Protein backbone atom coordinates (compact mmCIF):
# COMPACT_ATOMS: atom_id res chain seq x y z
CA UNK A 1 0.06 0.09 -0.13
CA UNK A 2 1.22 3.65 -0.72
CA UNK A 3 1.51 6.44 1.75
CA UNK A 4 -1.55 8.45 2.40
CA UNK A 5 -0.85 12.38 2.88
CA UNK A 6 -3.88 14.65 3.05
CA UNK A 7 -2.84 18.27 2.28
CA UNK A 8 -4.65 21.28 3.56
CA UNK A 9 -4.93 24.91 2.53
CA UNK A 10 -1.55 26.12 1.07
CA UNK A 11 0.07 22.75 0.60
CA UNK A 12 -3.19 21.76 -1.16
CA UNK A 13 -3.30 24.80 -3.47
CA UNK A 14 0.44 24.24 -4.34
CA UNK A 15 -0.19 20.53 -5.08
CA UNK A 16 -3.33 21.61 -7.35
CA UNK A 17 -1.03 24.15 -8.99
CA UNK A 18 1.69 21.62 -9.64
CA UNK A 19 -0.55 18.97 -10.93
CA UNK A 20 -2.85 21.05 -13.06
CA UNK A 21 -0.28 23.29 -14.58
CA UNK A 22 2.21 20.38 -15.02
CA UNK A 23 -0.39 18.45 -17.01
CA UNK A 24 -1.96 21.52 -18.64
CA UNK A 25 -4.77 19.62 -20.33
CA UNK A 26 -7.74 18.05 -18.29
CA UNK A 27 -10.82 16.10 -18.97
CA UNK A 28 -13.57 18.60 -18.03
CA UNK A 29 -16.93 17.03 -17.18
CA UNK A 30 -20.11 18.81 -16.90
CA UNK A 31 -23.84 17.81 -16.41
CA UNK A 32 -22.62 15.42 -13.79
CA UNK A 33 -25.95 13.76 -13.39
CA UNK A 34 -26.38 12.71 -17.02
CA UNK A 35 -24.96 9.53 -18.14
CA UNK A 36 -22.67 9.07 -19.97
CA UNK A 37 -20.79 12.19 -18.55
CA UNK A 38 -20.26 14.92 -21.00
CA UNK A 39 -16.50 15.44 -21.04
CA UNK A 40 -14.06 17.31 -23.23
CA UNK A 41 -10.40 18.31 -23.06
CA UNK A 42 -9.62 21.78 -21.74
CA UNK A 43 -6.42 23.54 -21.23
CA UNK A 44 -5.88 25.11 -17.75
CA UNK A 45 -4.66 28.81 -18.26
CA UNK A 46 -4.13 29.44 -14.46
CA UNK A 47 -4.44 28.16 -10.98
CA UNK A 48 -4.70 31.40 -8.90
CA UNK A 49 -3.53 32.15 -5.38
CA UNK A 50 -6.84 30.69 -3.94
CA UNK A 51 -6.60 27.47 -5.85
CA UNK A 52 -9.25 28.35 -8.44
CA UNK A 53 -8.63 27.02 -11.96
CA UNK A 54 -9.24 29.40 -14.94
CA UNK A 55 -10.05 28.42 -18.52
CA UNK A 56 -11.15 30.17 -21.68
CA UNK A 57 -14.42 29.13 -23.44
CA UNK A 58 -16.63 30.38 -25.98
CA UNK A 59 -19.85 32.26 -24.98
CA UNK A 60 -22.06 30.15 -27.20
CA UNK A 61 -20.41 26.68 -26.42
CA UNK A 62 -22.39 23.81 -25.04
CA UNK A 63 -20.21 23.70 -21.93
CA UNK A 64 -21.10 27.32 -21.01
CA UNK A 65 -24.79 26.47 -21.35
CA UNK A 66 -24.28 23.20 -19.28
CA UNK A 67 -22.42 25.23 -16.76
CA UNK A 68 -25.23 27.85 -16.54
CA UNK A 69 -27.87 24.83 -15.93
CA UNK A 70 -25.62 23.06 -13.45
CA UNK A 71 -22.41 24.62 -12.05
CA UNK A 72 -21.10 21.42 -10.59
CA UNK A 73 -17.96 20.15 -12.63
CA UNK A 74 -15.29 17.42 -12.37
CA UNK A 75 -11.88 17.70 -13.76
CA UNK A 76 -9.49 14.92 -14.45
CA UNK A 77 -5.76 15.37 -14.86
CA UNK A 78 -3.28 12.56 -15.80
CA UNK A 79 0.45 12.79 -16.40
CA UNK A 80 1.65 9.44 -17.37
CA UNK A 81 5.19 10.80 -17.90
CA UNK A 82 5.47 11.76 -14.25
CA UNK A 83 2.79 9.27 -12.77
CA UNK A 84 0.90 12.27 -11.28
CA UNK A 85 -2.97 12.23 -11.25
CA UNK A 86 -5.72 14.61 -9.80
CA UNK A 87 -9.44 14.39 -9.64
CA UNK A 88 -11.07 17.75 -8.74
CA UNK A 89 -14.78 18.41 -8.07
CA UNK A 90 -15.96 22.05 -7.92
CA UNK A 91 -18.39 24.62 -8.89
CA UNK A 92 -17.93 26.49 -12.15
CA UNK A 93 -18.98 30.10 -13.18
CA UNK A 94 -18.94 31.98 -16.31
CA UNK A 95 -16.98 35.48 -16.38
CA UNK A 96 -16.45 38.15 -18.81
CA UNK A 97 -13.78 39.70 -16.81
CA UNK A 98 -11.43 41.58 -19.30
CA UNK A 99 -8.76 42.20 -16.76
CA UNK A 100 -8.55 38.57 -15.92
CA UNK A 101 -8.63 37.54 -19.53
CA UNK A 102 -5.62 39.72 -20.26
CA UNK A 103 -3.80 38.47 -17.19
CA UNK A 104 -4.10 34.95 -18.44
CA UNK A 105 -3.99 35.41 -22.09
CA UNK A 106 -1.77 33.37 -24.28
CA UNK A 107 -1.13 33.87 -28.01
CA UNK A 108 -2.24 30.40 -28.62
CA UNK A 109 -5.80 31.29 -27.39
CA UNK A 110 -6.15 33.37 -30.47
CA UNK A 111 -6.77 30.23 -32.61
CA UNK A 112 -10.20 30.12 -30.74
CA UNK A 113 -10.75 33.91 -30.34
CA UNK A 114 -9.74 35.53 -33.69
CA UNK A 115 -10.66 38.95 -32.61
CA UNK A 116 -8.25 38.52 -29.63
CA UNK A 117 -9.12 39.70 -26.15
CA UNK A 118 -12.15 41.78 -27.41
CA UNK A 119 -13.71 38.90 -29.19
CA UNK A 120 -17.47 38.91 -28.20
CA UNK A 121 -17.45 35.13 -27.92
CA UNK A 122 -14.65 35.29 -25.24
CA UNK A 123 -15.56 34.04 -21.70
CA UNK A 124 -13.65 32.66 -18.74
CA UNK A 125 -14.47 29.53 -16.83
CA UNK A 126 -13.57 29.89 -13.11
CA UNK A 127 -13.54 26.51 -11.21
CA UNK A 128 -13.76 26.70 -7.47
CA UNK A 129 -12.53 23.39 -5.95
CA UNK A 130 -14.66 21.65 -3.37
CA UNK A 131 -13.16 18.24 -3.17
CA UNK A 132 -9.93 17.03 -4.69
CA UNK A 133 -7.87 13.85 -4.63
CA UNK A 134 -4.40 13.22 -5.96
CA UNK A 135 -2.02 10.33 -6.56
CA UNK A 136 1.58 11.02 -6.90
CA UNK A 137 4.93 9.12 -6.93
CA UNK A 138 7.38 9.71 -4.06
CA UNK A 139 10.41 9.88 -6.54
CA UNK A 140 10.99 11.00 -9.95
CA UNK A 141 9.81 8.93 -13.02
CA UNK A 142 13.40 7.36 -13.70
CA UNK A 143 13.54 6.12 -10.06
CA UNK A 144 10.05 4.79 -10.18
CA UNK A 145 10.81 2.88 -13.35
CA UNK A 146 13.90 1.49 -11.95
CA UNK A 147 11.87 0.34 -8.72
CA UNK A 148 9.21 -1.39 -10.92
CA UNK A 149 11.80 -3.17 -12.94
CA UNK A 150 13.41 -4.33 -9.75
CA UNK A 151 10.14 -5.42 -8.23
CA UNK A 152 9.25 -7.49 -11.37
CA UNK A 153 12.66 -9.27 -11.50
CA UNK A 154 12.63 -10.03 -7.89
CA UNK A 155 8.92 -10.96 -7.54
CA UNK A 156 8.31 -8.41 -4.89
CA UNK A 157 5.68 -5.65 -4.83
CA UNK A 158 6.53 -2.15 -5.36
CA UNK A 159 4.43 0.77 -4.12
CA UNK A 160 6.10 3.95 -4.48
CA UNK A 161 2.98 6.12 -4.39
CA UNK A 162 1.62 8.80 -2.08
CA UNK A 163 -2.22 9.91 -2.29
CA UNK A 164 -4.56 12.00 -0.52
CA UNK A 165 -7.26 14.40 -0.32
CA UNK A 166 -6.61 17.96 -0.90
CA UNK A 167 -8.60 20.34 1.41
CA UNK A 168 -8.95 24.10 0.58
């Protein structure tokens, strides 16, 4: 069994920042009471100092309509290269805050918003985390692979992970 380490407030925010920005793309689920879940890839633009996650989205998008109908969302991050994972449940809201959009703007976003920061379709999604869980390795990827190989050769088990709840 791996180690369990629940993280609170600042440690939890730092872990969310590390995992969400390190992975960049998450699977963003809306309409959580509907099956199958409605899920799409989204790029995390920022995790702010309070642990809120920010995304760009088109005003007319289905996800915006779904969030307006039900603000509960679930985000799933997975980084196979570093064996780090994050599941985050929270509440989303739609914003048209131009100052925030300018703060987190990236030139690549222009591919979706051709008129740039003043595009009438530009909105932001802010996700406030309510419940999060992470899985991580204790060591870097190379050490973990060596330990897995050694466990395979010796017939022993290897559990090099740490997991826990993130409480903001």
